[in-house]
């Protein structure tokens, strides 16, 4: 843990990772992980896992979402653009 007096501005900021630079396997792994932990509510209808994964990939391709890597936590997140 960082000392309490360390300036927050010294911390590394999250970095955008272009989805097209990931291998198809890596991209699918990132998206699957995101879909599994997000628990998105689709209302009364049940949406298959594959449909959710395909929709997130489409959002990345359209520029509506982007992949962010946080160097502090060493984690990846998908956020709306």
PDB file of N, CA and C in Angstrom:
ATOM      1  N   UNK A   1       0.848  -1.189   0.000  1.00  0.00           N
ATOM      2  CA  UNK A   1       0.000   0.000   0.000  1.00  0.00           C
ATOM      3  C   UNK A   1       0.887   1.244   0.000  1.00  0.00           C
ATOM      4  N   UNK A   2       0.435   2.247  -0.747  1.00  0.00           N
ATOM      5  CA  UNK A   2       1.200   3.484  -0.845  1.00  0.00           C
ATOM      6  C   UNK A   2       1.101   4.274   0.459  1.00  0.00           C
ATOM      7  N   UNK A   3       2.141   4.999   0.791  1.00  0.00           N
ATOM      8  CA  UNK A   3       2.082   5.850   1.988  1.00  0.00           C
ATOM      9  C   UNK A   3       0.982   6.900   1.824  1.00  0.00           C
ATOM     10  N   UNK A   4       0.388   7.275   2.943  1.00  0.00           N
ATOM     11  CA  UNK A   4      -0.720   8.234   2.901  1.00  0.00           C
ATOM     12  C   UNK A   4      -0.320   9.584   2.328  1.00  0.00           C
ATOM     13  N   UNK A   5       0.929   9.921   2.376  1.00  0.00           N
ATOM     14  CA  UNK A   5       1.365  11.238   1.912  1.00  0.00           C
ATOM     15  C   UNK A   5       1.701  11.267   0.425  1.00  0.00           C
ATOM     16  N   UNK A   6       1.709  10.105  -0.218  1.00  0.00           N
ATOM     17  CA  UNK A   6       2.039  10.075  -1.642  1.00  0.00           C
ATOM     18  C   UNK A   6       0.939  10.778  -2.439  1.00  0.00           C
ATOM     19  N   UNK A   7       1.344  11.594  -3.363  1.00  0.00           N
ATOM     20  CA  UNK A   7       0.413  12.367  -4.172  1.00  0.00           C
ATOM     21  C   UNK A   7      -0.327  11.444  -5.131  1.00  0.00           C
ATOM     22  N   UNK A   8      -1.659  11.585  -5.178  1.00  0.00           N
ATOM     23  CA  UNK A   8      -2.465  10.764  -6.077  1.00  0.00           C
ATOM     24  C   UNK A   8      -2.069  10.962  -7.530  1.00  0.00           C
ATOM     25  N   UNK A   9      -1.542  12.115  -7.859  1.00  0.00           N
ATOM     26  CA  UNK A   9      -1.162  12.387  -9.250  1.00  0.00           C
ATOM     27  C   UNK A   9       0.019  11.539  -9.691  1.00  0.00           C
ATOM     28  N   UNK A  10       0.740  10.950  -8.758  1.00  0.00           N
ATOM     29  CA  UNK A  10       1.881  10.100  -9.107  1.00  0.00           C
ATOM     30  C   UNK A  10       1.453   8.686  -9.497  1.00  0.00           C
ATOM     31  N   UNK A  11       0.197   8.340  -9.254  1.00  0.00           N
ATOM     32  CA  UNK A  11      -0.264   7.004  -9.586  1.00  0.00           C
ATOM     33  C   UNK A  11      -0.480   6.881 -11.091  1.00  0.00           C
ATOM     34  N   UNK A  12      -0.234   5.686 -11.601  1.00  0.00           N
ATOM     35  CA  UNK A  12      -0.430   5.439 -13.023  1.00  0.00           C
ATOM     36  C   UNK A  12      -1.916   5.388 -13.337  1.00  0.00           C
ATOM     37  N   UNK A  13      -2.295   5.986 -14.458  1.00  0.00           N
ATOM     38  CA  UNK A  13      -3.687   6.008 -14.888  1.00  0.00           C
ATOM     39  C   UNK A  13      -3.987   4.795 -15.765  1.00  0.00           C
ATOM     40  N   UNK A  14      -5.259   4.393 -15.830  1.00  0.00           N
ATOM     41  CA  UNK A  14      -5.629   3.298 -16.733  1.00  0.00           C
ATOM     42  C   UNK A  14      -5.285   3.644 -18.180  1.00  0.00           C
ATOM     43  N   UNK A  15      -4.999   2.606 -18.954  1.00  0.00           N
ATOM     44  CA  UNK A  15      -4.578   2.752 -20.337  1.00  0.00           C
ATOM     45  C   UNK A  15      -5.592   2.059 -21.245  1.00  0.00           C
ATOM     46  N   UNK A  16      -6.004   2.753 -22.315  1.00  0.00           N
ATOM     47  CA  UNK A  16      -6.905   2.139 -23.293  1.00  0.00           C
ATOM     48  C   UNK A  16      -6.134   1.108 -24.104  1.00  0.00           C
ATOM     49  N   UNK A  17      -6.742  -0.051 -24.296  1.00  0.00           N
ATOM     50  CA  UNK A  17      -6.142  -1.126 -25.093  1.00  0.00           C
ATOM     51  C   UNK A  17      -7.005  -1.307 -26.336  1.00  0.00           C
ATOM     52  N   UNK A  18      -6.489  -0.981 -27.524  1.00  0.00           N
ATOM     53  CA  UNK A  18      -7.283  -1.172 -28.739  1.00  0.00           C
ATOM     54  C   UNK A  18      -7.653  -2.647 -28.915  1.00  0.00           C
ATOM     55  N   UNK A  19      -8.947  -2.919 -29.036  1.00  0.00           N
ATOM     56  CA  UNK A  19      -9.396  -4.312 -29.123  1.00  0.00           C
ATOM     57  C   UNK A  19      -8.803  -5.030 -30.331  1.00  0.00           C
ATOM     58  N   UNK A  20      -8.548  -4.295 -31.405  1.00  0.00           N
ATOM     59  CA  UNK A  20      -8.014  -4.902 -32.626  1.00  0.00           C
ATOM     60  C   UNK A  20      -6.570  -5.375 -32.444  1.00  0.00           C
ATOM     61  N   UNK A  21      -5.891  -4.897 -31.411  1.00  0.00           N
ATOM     62  CA  UNK A  21      -4.508  -5.318 -31.172  1.00  0.00           C
ATOM     63  C   UNK A  21      -4.417  -6.611 -30.370  1.00  0.00           C
ATOM     64  N   UNK A  22      -5.540  -7.083 -29.853  1.00  0.00           N
ATOM     65  CA  UNK A  22      -5.553  -8.345 -29.122  1.00  0.00           C
ATOM     66  C   UNK A  22      -5.788  -9.501 -30.094  1.00  0.00           C
ATOM     67  N   UNK A  23      -5.237 -10.650 -29.779  1.00  0.00           N
ATOM     68  CA  UNK A  23      -5.528 -11.838 -30.580  1.00  0.00           C
ATOM     69  C   UNK A  23      -7.008 -12.172 -30.393  1.00  0.00           C
ATOM     70  N   UNK A  24      -7.621 -12.882 -31.334  1.00  0.00           N
ATOM     71  CA  UNK A  24      -9.032 -13.259 -31.160  1.00  0.00           C
ATOM     72  C   UNK A  24      -9.282 -14.012 -29.850  1.00  0.00           C
ATOM     73  N   UNK A  25      -8.329 -14.859 -29.460  1.00  0.00           N
ATOM     74  CA  UNK A  25      -8.478 -15.628 -28.219  1.00  0.00           C
ATOM     75  C   UNK A  25      -8.424 -14.717 -26.997  1.00  0.00           C
ATOM     76  N   UNK A  26      -7.486 -13.774 -27.002  1.00  0.00           N
ATOM     77  CA  UNK A  26      -7.354 -12.849 -25.869  1.00  0.00           C
ATOM     78  C   UNK A  26      -8.581 -11.945 -25.769  1.00  0.00           C
ATOM     79  N   UNK A  27      -9.062 -11.440 -26.907  1.00  0.00           N
ATOM     80  CA  UNK A  27     -10.244 -10.581 -26.911  1.00  0.00           C
ATOM     81  C   UNK A  27     -11.445 -11.338 -26.360  1.00  0.00           C
ATOM     82  N   UNK A  28     -11.638 -12.553 -26.823  1.00  0.00           N
ATOM     83  CA  UNK A  28     -12.776 -13.345 -26.334  1.00  0.00           C
ATOM     84  C   UNK A  28     -12.647 -13.584 -24.826  1.00  0.00           C
ATOM     85  N   UNK A  29     -11.440 -13.872 -24.350  1.00  0.00           N
ATOM     86  CA  UNK A  29     -11.244 -14.084 -22.919  1.00  0.00           C
ATOM     87  C   UNK A  29     -11.580 -12.857 -22.098  1.00  0.00           C
ATOM     88  N   UNK A  30     -11.170 -11.689 -22.569  1.00  0.00           N
ATOM     89  CA  UNK A  30     -11.472 -10.434 -21.862  1.00  0.00           C
ATOM     90  C   UNK A  30     -12.979 -10.189 -21.840  1.00  0.00           C
ATOM     91  N   UNK A  31     -13.619 -10.384 -22.993  1.00  0.00           N
ATOM     92  CA  UNK A  31     -15.061 -10.132 -23.082  1.00  0.00           C
ATOM     93  C   UNK A  31     -15.843 -11.144 -22.241  1.00  0.00           C
ATOM     94  N   UNK A  32     -15.467 -12.423 -22.307  1.00  0.00           N
ATOM     95  CA  UNK A  32     -16.156 -13.435 -21.505  1.00  0.00           C
ATOM     96  C   UNK A  32     -16.040 -13.132 -20.012  1.00  0.00           C
ATOM     97  N   UNK A  33     -14.858 -12.758 -19.590  1.00  0.00           N
ATOM     98  CA  UNK A  33     -14.651 -12.415 -18.180  1.00  0.00           C
ATOM     99  C   UNK A  33     -15.531 -11.240 -17.780  1.00  0.00           C
ATOM    100  N   UNK A  34     -15.598 -10.236 -18.627  1.00  0.00           N
ATOM    101  CA  UNK A  34     -16.428  -9.061 -18.367  1.00  0.00           C
ATOM    102  C   UNK A  34     -17.898  -9.451 -18.258  1.00  0.00           C
ATOM    103  N   UNK A  35     -18.386 -10.228 -19.214  1.00  0.00           N
ATOM    104  CA  UNK A  35     -19.797 -10.627 -19.220  1.00  0.00           C
ATOM    105  C   UNK A  35     -20.130 -11.447 -17.979  1.00  0.00           C
ATOM    106  N   UNK A  36     -19.238 -12.335 -17.594  1.00  0.00           N
ATOM    107  CA  UNK A  36     -19.499 -13.180 -16.423  1.00  0.00           C
ATOM    108  C   UNK A  36     -19.570 -12.380 -15.127  1.00  0.00           C
ATOM    109  N   UNK A  37     -18.757 -11.339 -15.003  1.00  0.00           N
ATOM    110  CA  UNK A  37     -18.757 -10.611 -13.735  1.00  0.00           C
ATOM    111  C   UNK A  37     -19.712  -9.432 -13.722  1.00  0.00           C
ATOM    112  N   UNK A  38     -20.226  -9.004 -14.858  1.00  0.00           N
ATOM    113  CA  UNK A  38     -21.095  -7.834 -14.894  1.00  0.00           C
ATOM    114  C   UNK A  38     -22.524  -8.128 -14.478  1.00  0.00           C
ATOM    115  N   UNK A  39     -23.055  -9.280 -14.810  1.00  0.00           N
ATOM    116  CA  UNK A  39     -24.423  -9.604 -14.423  1.00  0.00           C
ATOM    117  C   UNK A  39     -25.438  -8.604 -14.932  1.00  0.00           C
ATOM    118  N   UNK A  40     -25.353  -8.249 -16.209  1.00  0.00           N
ATOM    119  CA  UNK A  40     -26.253  -7.268 -16.807  1.00  0.00           C
ATOM    120  C   UNK A  40     -27.694  -7.747 -16.764  1.00  0.00           C
ATOM    121  N   UNK A  41     -28.612  -6.858 -16.458  1.00  0.00           N
ATOM    122  CA  UNK A  41     -30.034  -7.175 -16.407  1.00  0.00           C
ATOM    123  C   UNK A  41     -30.644  -6.919 -17.778  1.00  0.00           C
ATOM    124  N   UNK A  42     -31.204  -7.966 -18.383  1.00  0.00           N
ATOM    125  CA  UNK A  42     -31.837  -7.846 -19.684  1.00  0.00           C
ATOM    126  C   UNK A  42     -33.361  -7.895 -19.571  1.00  0.00           C
ATOM    127  N   UNK A  43     -33.883  -7.668 -18.390  1.00  0.00           N
ATOM    128  CA  UNK A  43     -35.325  -7.671 -18.198  1.00  0.00           C
ATOM    129  C   UNK A  43     -35.866  -9.074 -18.004  1.00  0.00           C
ATOM    130  N   UNK A  44     -37.088  -9.298 -18.505  1.00  0.00           N
ATOM    131  CA  UNK A  44     -37.758 -10.569 -18.286  1.00  0.00           C
ATOM    132  C   UNK A  44     -37.239 -11.698 -19.162  1.00  0.00           C
ATOM    133  N   UNK A  45     -36.599 -11.377 -20.259  1.00  0.00           N
ATOM    134  CA  UNK A  45     -36.124 -12.436 -21.150  1.00  0.00           C
ATOM    135  C   UNK A  45     -34.707 -12.858 -20.782  1.00  0.00           C
ATOM    136  N   UNK A  46     -34.439 -14.132 -20.993  1.00  0.00           N
ATOM    137  CA  UNK A  46     -33.115 -14.674 -20.714  1.00  0.00           C
ATOM    138  C   UNK A  46     -32.262 -14.565 -21.975  1.00  0.00           C
ATOM    139  N   UNK A  47     -31.116 -13.916 -21.876  1.00  0.00           N
ATOM    140  CA  UNK A  47     -30.230 -13.726 -23.023  1.00  0.00           C
ATOM    141  C   UNK A  47     -29.071 -14.708 -22.901  1.00  0.00           C
ATOM    142  N   UNK A  48     -28.871 -15.537 -23.938  1.00  0.00           N
ATOM    143  CA  UNK A  48     -27.774 -16.512 -23.884  1.00  0.00           C
ATOM    144  C   UNK A  48     -26.405 -15.835 -23.751  1.00  0.00           C
ATOM    145  N   UNK A  49     -25.508 -16.541 -23.087  1.00  0.00           N
ATOM    146  CA  UNK A  49     -24.145 -16.050 -22.862  1.00  0.00           C
ATOM    147  C   UNK A  49     -23.485 -15.631 -24.177  1.00  0.00           C
ATOM    148  N   UNK A  50     -23.606 -16.468 -25.218  1.00  0.00           N
ATOM    149  CA  UNK A  50     -22.974 -16.168 -26.508  1.00  0.00           C
ATOM    150  C   UNK A  50     -23.504 -14.861 -27.106  1.00  0.00           C
ATOM    151  N   UNK A  51     -24.777 -14.598 -26.906  1.00  0.00           N
ATOM    152  CA  UNK A  51     -25.373 -13.360 -27.411  1.00  0.00           C
ATOM    153  C   UNK A  51     -24.783 -12.157 -26.683  1.00  0.00           C
ATOM    154  N   UNK A  52     -24.610 -12.273 -25.387  1.00  0.00           N
ATOM    155  CA  UNK A  52     -24.015 -11.189 -24.601  1.00  0.00           C
ATOM    156  C   UNK A  52     -22.579 -10.921 -25.048  1.00  0.00           C
ATOM    157  N   UNK A  53     -21.804 -11.989 -25.241  1.00  0.00           N
ATOM    158  CA  UNK A  53     -20.411 -11.846 -25.691  1.00  0.00           C
ATOM    159  C   UNK A  53     -20.372 -11.166 -27.056  1.00  0.00           C
ATOM    160  N   UNK A  54     -21.211 -11.626 -27.979  1.00  0.00           N
ATOM    161  CA  UNK A  54     -21.236 -11.047 -29.329  1.00  0.00           C
ATOM    162  C   UNK A  54     -21.618  -9.569 -29.284  1.00  0.00           C
ATOM    163  N   UNK A  55     -22.547  -9.199 -28.421  1.00  0.00           N
ATOM    164  CA  UNK A  55     -22.966  -7.796 -28.317  1.00  0.00           C
ATOM    165  C   UNK A  55     -21.830  -6.917 -27.792  1.00  0.00           C
ATOM    166  N   UNK A  56     -21.090  -7.378 -26.802  1.00  0.00           N
ATOM    167  CA  UNK A  56     -19.966  -6.589 -26.280  1.00  0.00           C
ATOM    168  C   UNK A  56     -18.895  -6.436 -27.360  1.00  0.00           C
ATOM    169  N   UNK A  57     -18.625  -7.483 -28.101  1.00  0.00           N
ATOM    170  CA  UNK A  57     -17.636  -7.390 -29.188  1.00  0.00           C
ATOM    171  C   UNK A  57     -18.103  -6.382 -30.233  1.00  0.00           C
ATOM    172  N   UNK A  58     -19.386  -6.404 -30.580  1.00  0.00           N
ATOM    173  CA  UNK A  58     -19.915  -5.410 -31.535  1.00  0.00           C
ATOM    174  C   UNK A  58     -19.755  -3.990 -30.997  1.00  0.00           C
ATOM    175  N   UNK A  59     -20.004  -3.812 -29.696  1.00  0.00           N
ATOM    176  CA  UNK A  59     -19.847  -2.487 -29.097  1.00  0.00           C
ATOM    177  C   UNK A  59     -18.393  -2.019 -29.182  1.00  0.00           C
ATOM    178  N   UNK A  60     -17.466  -2.926 -28.980  1.00  0.00           N
ATOM    179  CA  UNK A  60     -16.049  -2.576 -29.107  1.00  0.00           C
ATOM    180  C   UNK A  60     -15.722  -2.200 -30.549  1.00  0.00           C
ATOM    181  N   UNK A  61     -16.235  -2.973 -31.494  1.00  0.00           N
ATOM    182  CA  UNK A  61     -15.965  -2.712 -32.913  1.00  0.00           C
ATOM    183  C   UNK A  61     -16.565  -1.384 -33.374  1.00  0.00           C
ATOM    184  N   UNK A  62     -17.715  -1.009 -32.819  1.00  0.00           N
ATOM    185  CA  UNK A  62     -18.376   0.255 -33.194  1.00  0.00           C
ATOM    186  C   UNK A  62     -17.815   1.455 -32.431  1.00  0.00           C
ATOM    187  N   UNK A  63     -16.921   1.205 -31.500  1.00  0.00           N
ATOM    188  CA  UNK A  63     -16.351   2.303 -30.715  1.00  0.00           C
ATOM    189  C   UNK A  63     -17.246   2.767 -29.588  1.00  0.00           C
ATOM    190  N   UNK A  64     -18.289   2.001 -29.262  1.00  0.00           N
ATOM    191  CA  UNK A  64     -19.200   2.360 -28.178  1.00  0.00           C
ATOM    192  C   UNK A  64     -18.661   1.939 -26.815  1.00  0.00           C
ATOM    193  N   UNK A  65     -17.699   1.044 -26.820  1.00  0.00           N
ATOM    194  CA  UNK A  65     -17.058   0.572 -25.590  1.00  0.00           C
ATOM    195  C   UNK A  65     -15.568   0.442 -25.860  1.00  0.00           C
ATOM    196  N   UNK A  66     -14.802   0.401 -24.777  1.00  0.00           N
ATOM    197  CA  UNK A  66     -13.356   0.212 -24.946  1.00  0.00           C
ATOM    198  C   UNK A  66     -12.792  -0.569 -23.771  1.00  0.00           C
ATOM    199  N   UNK A  67     -11.659  -1.185 -24.033  1.00  0.00           N
ATOM    200  CA  UNK A  67     -10.980  -1.989 -23.023  1.00  0.00           C
ATOM    201  C   UNK A  67      -9.966  -1.102 -22.322  1.00  0.00           C
ATOM    202  N   UNK A  68      -9.986  -1.135 -20.981  1.00  0.00           N
ATOM    203  CA  UNK A  68      -9.049  -0.348 -20.196  1.00  0.00           C
ATOM    204  C   UNK A  68      -8.229  -1.275 -19.301  1.00  0.00           C
ATOM    205  N   UNK A  69      -6.920  -1.023 -19.258  1.00  0.00           N
ATOM    206  CA  UNK A  69      -6.029  -1.772 -18.375  1.00  0.00           C
ATOM    207  C   UNK A  69      -5.588  -0.843 -17.262  1.00  0.00           C
ATOM    208  N   UNK A  70      -5.759  -1.286 -16.014  1.00  0.00           N
ATOM    209  CA  UNK A  70      -5.352  -0.504 -14.852  1.00  0.00           C
ATOM    210  C   UNK A  70      -4.018  -1.050 -14.345  1.00  0.00           C
ATOM    211  N   UNK A  71      -2.925  -0.303 -14.551  1.00  0.00           N
ATOM    212  CA  UNK A  71      -1.614  -0.797 -14.128  1.00  0.00           C
ATOM    213  C   UNK A  71      -1.452  -0.907 -12.613  1.00  0.00           C
ATOM    214  N   UNK A  72      -2.251  -0.171 -11.858  1.00  0.00           N
ATOM    215  CA  UNK A  72      -2.148  -0.239 -10.394  1.00  0.00           C
ATOM    216  C   UNK A  72      -2.694  -1.563  -9.877  1.00  0.00           C
ATOM    217  N   UNK A  73      -3.867  -1.952 -10.384  1.00  0.00           N
ATOM    218  CA  UNK A  73      -4.498  -3.198  -9.925  1.00  0.00           C
ATOM    219  C   UNK A  73      -4.190  -4.383 -10.839  1.00  0.00           C
ATOM    220  N   UNK A  74      -3.528  -4.090 -11.962  1.00  0.00           N
ATOM    221  CA  UNK A  74      -3.220  -5.133 -12.952  1.00  0.00           C
ATOM    222  C   UNK A  74      -4.504  -5.827 -13.430  1.00  0.00           C
ATOM    223  N   UNK A  75      -5.557  -5.029 -13.640  1.00  0.00           N
ATOM    224  CA  UNK A  75      -6.844  -5.587 -14.058  1.00  0.00           C
ATOM    225  C   UNK A  75      -7.329  -4.932 -15.349  1.00  0.00           C
ATOM    226  N   UNK A  76      -8.270  -5.617 -15.993  1.00  0.00           N
ATOM    227  CA  UNK A  76      -8.844  -5.139 -17.242  1.00  0.00           C
ATOM    228  C   UNK A  76     -10.334  -4.927 -17.034  1.00  0.00           C
ATOM    229  N   UNK A  77     -10.860  -3.874 -17.632  1.00  0.00           N
ATOM    230  CA  UNK A  77     -12.273  -3.564 -17.541  1.00  0.00           C
ATOM    231  C   UNK A  77     -12.745  -3.086 -18.910  1.00  0.00           C
ATOM    232  N   UNK A  78     -14.014  -3.277 -19.213  1.00  0.00           N
ATOM    233  CA  UNK A  78     -14.608  -2.737 -20.421  1.00  0.00           C
ATOM    234  C   UNK A  78     -15.549  -1.634 -19.976  1.00  0.00           C
ATOM    235  N   UNK A  79     -15.402  -0.468 -20.584  1.00  0.00           N
ATOM    236  CA  UNK A  79     -16.206   0.701 -20.210  1.00  0.00           C
ATOM    237  C   UNK A  79     -16.873   1.288 -21.455  1.00  0.00           C
ATOM    238  N   UNK A  80     -17.959   2.004 -21.250  1.00  0.00           N
ATOM    239  CA  UNK A  80     -18.591   2.684 -22.371  1.00  0.00           C
ATOM    240  C   UNK A  80     -17.706   3.847 -22.787  1.00  0.00           C
ATOM    241  N   UNK A  81     -17.707   4.092 -24.086  1.00  0.00           N
ATOM    242  CA  UNK A  81     -16.840   5.150 -24.622  1.00  0.00           C
ATOM    243  C   UNK A  81     -17.512   6.496 -24.532  1.00  0.00           C
TER     244      UNK A  81
END
